[in-house]
Protein backbone atom coordinates (compact mmCIF):
# COMPACT_ATOMS: atom_id res chain seq x y z
CA MET A 1 2.08 -12.08 31.10
CA ASN A 2 5.63 -12.75 30.00
CA ARG A 3 6.36 -12.60 26.28
CA GLN A 4 9.15 -14.57 24.63
CA ILE A 5 11.39 -12.32 22.53
CA GLY A 6 12.50 -13.72 19.20
CA GLY A 7 15.94 -13.39 17.71
CA SER A 8 15.16 -10.32 15.61
CA ASP A 9 17.88 -7.69 15.15
CA ASP A 10 15.15 -5.01 15.04
CA ARG A 11 14.29 -5.26 18.73
CA GLY A 12 14.69 -1.95 20.49
CA THR A 13 15.48 0.22 17.48
CA CYS A 14 13.53 2.16 14.88
CA ARG A 15 13.93 0.65 11.41
CA HIS A 16 13.97 4.10 9.80
CA CYS A 17 16.54 5.97 11.91
CA ASN A 18 18.06 3.26 14.18
CA ARG A 19 17.22 5.19 17.38
CA HIS A 20 16.28 3.35 20.54
CA VAL A 21 12.57 2.70 21.07
CA SER A 22 11.06 1.11 24.14
CA ASP A 23 9.37 -2.29 24.17
CA ARG A 24 6.14 -0.52 25.10
CA PHE A 25 6.35 1.82 22.07
CA GLN A 26 6.94 -1.18 19.80
CA SER A 27 4.01 -3.13 21.23
CA VAL A 28 1.60 -0.17 21.02
CA PHE A 29 2.63 1.46 17.72
CA GLY A 30 4.71 -1.21 15.95
CA ASP A 31 3.60 -3.89 13.51
CA GLN A 32 2.19 -7.32 14.37
CA ASP A 33 5.73 -8.50 15.25
CA ASP A 34 6.26 -5.46 17.56
CA VAL A 35 8.78 -3.87 15.18
CA ALA A 36 8.81 -0.05 14.98
CA HIS A 37 9.24 1.18 11.41
CA ARG A 38 9.20 4.87 12.52
CA CYS A 39 9.59 6.60 15.91
CA LEU A 40 9.00 10.03 17.45
CA GLY A 41 12.56 10.97 16.55
CA CYS A 42 11.97 10.67 12.82
CA ASP A 43 8.21 11.05 12.41
CA CYS A 44 5.38 13.14 13.87
CA PHE A 45 2.80 11.79 16.29
CA ARG A 46 -0.06 12.36 13.82
CA ARG A 47 1.56 9.96 11.35
CA ILE A 48 2.60 7.45 14.03
CA SER A 49 -0.91 7.35 15.50
CA ARG A 50 -2.24 6.60 12.00
CA GLY A 51 0.10 3.63 11.54
CA SER A 52 3.45 4.81 10.16
CA ALA A 53 5.30 3.10 13.03
CA ALA A 54 3.64 -0.15 11.96
CA GLY A 55 4.81 0.28 8.37
CA VAL A 56 1.47 1.54 7.04
CA ASP A 57 1.51 4.17 4.26
CA VAL A 58 -0.12 7.29 5.71
CA ASP A 59 -1.76 10.11 3.71
CA LEU A 60 0.17 12.84 5.55
CA VAL A 61 3.39 14.50 4.40
CA ASP A 62 6.42 12.43 5.39
CA PRO A 63 8.98 14.46 7.37
CA SER A 64 11.72 12.72 5.35
CA ASP A 65 10.34 14.39 2.22
CA GLN A 66 9.70 17.79 3.85
CA PRO A 67 11.82 18.11 7.03
CA ASN A 68 10.24 21.42 8.09
CA ARG A 69 6.94 19.61 8.65
CA ASN A 70 8.30 17.89 11.78
CA ARG A 71 10.08 20.48 13.92
CA GLY A 72 9.44 19.20 17.46
CA ALA A 73 11.99 19.18 20.29
CA ARG A 74 12.65 15.43 19.86
CA VAL A 75 13.28 15.50 16.12
CA GLY A 76 16.92 14.98 15.27
CA ALA A 77 18.02 15.08 18.91
CA THR A 78 20.30 12.42 20.31
CA ILE A 79 18.06 10.44 22.62
CA ARG A 80 19.23 8.58 25.71
CA THR A 81 17.83 5.15 26.47
CA ASP A 82 15.79 6.57 29.37
CA GLY A 83 13.91 8.83 26.94
CA GLY A 84 15.67 12.09 27.85
CA GLU A 85 17.65 14.23 25.48
CA PHE A 86 21.43 14.21 25.50
CA ASP A 87 23.01 17.65 25.23
CA GLY A 88 26.49 16.34 24.40
CA ASN A 89 28.17 17.38 27.67
């Protein structure tokens, strides 16, 4: 199935941190328009799996409010478009 992409400026980026997100991530975790409001770079998987990437308010501590709650390897790292981490060299 081929899906027509609308003219949204939000395609391919997280609305919260402006990092790249894949089309697949947006279609699985995003809202009804396939827009990602949060991503694994700015939120934890527990919150994303409960709907934070779709813009749903989740009853778990937001890493923006308490940054030490989300200390994974991907958090805050510069992410390449292929999903790997960029070490700056």
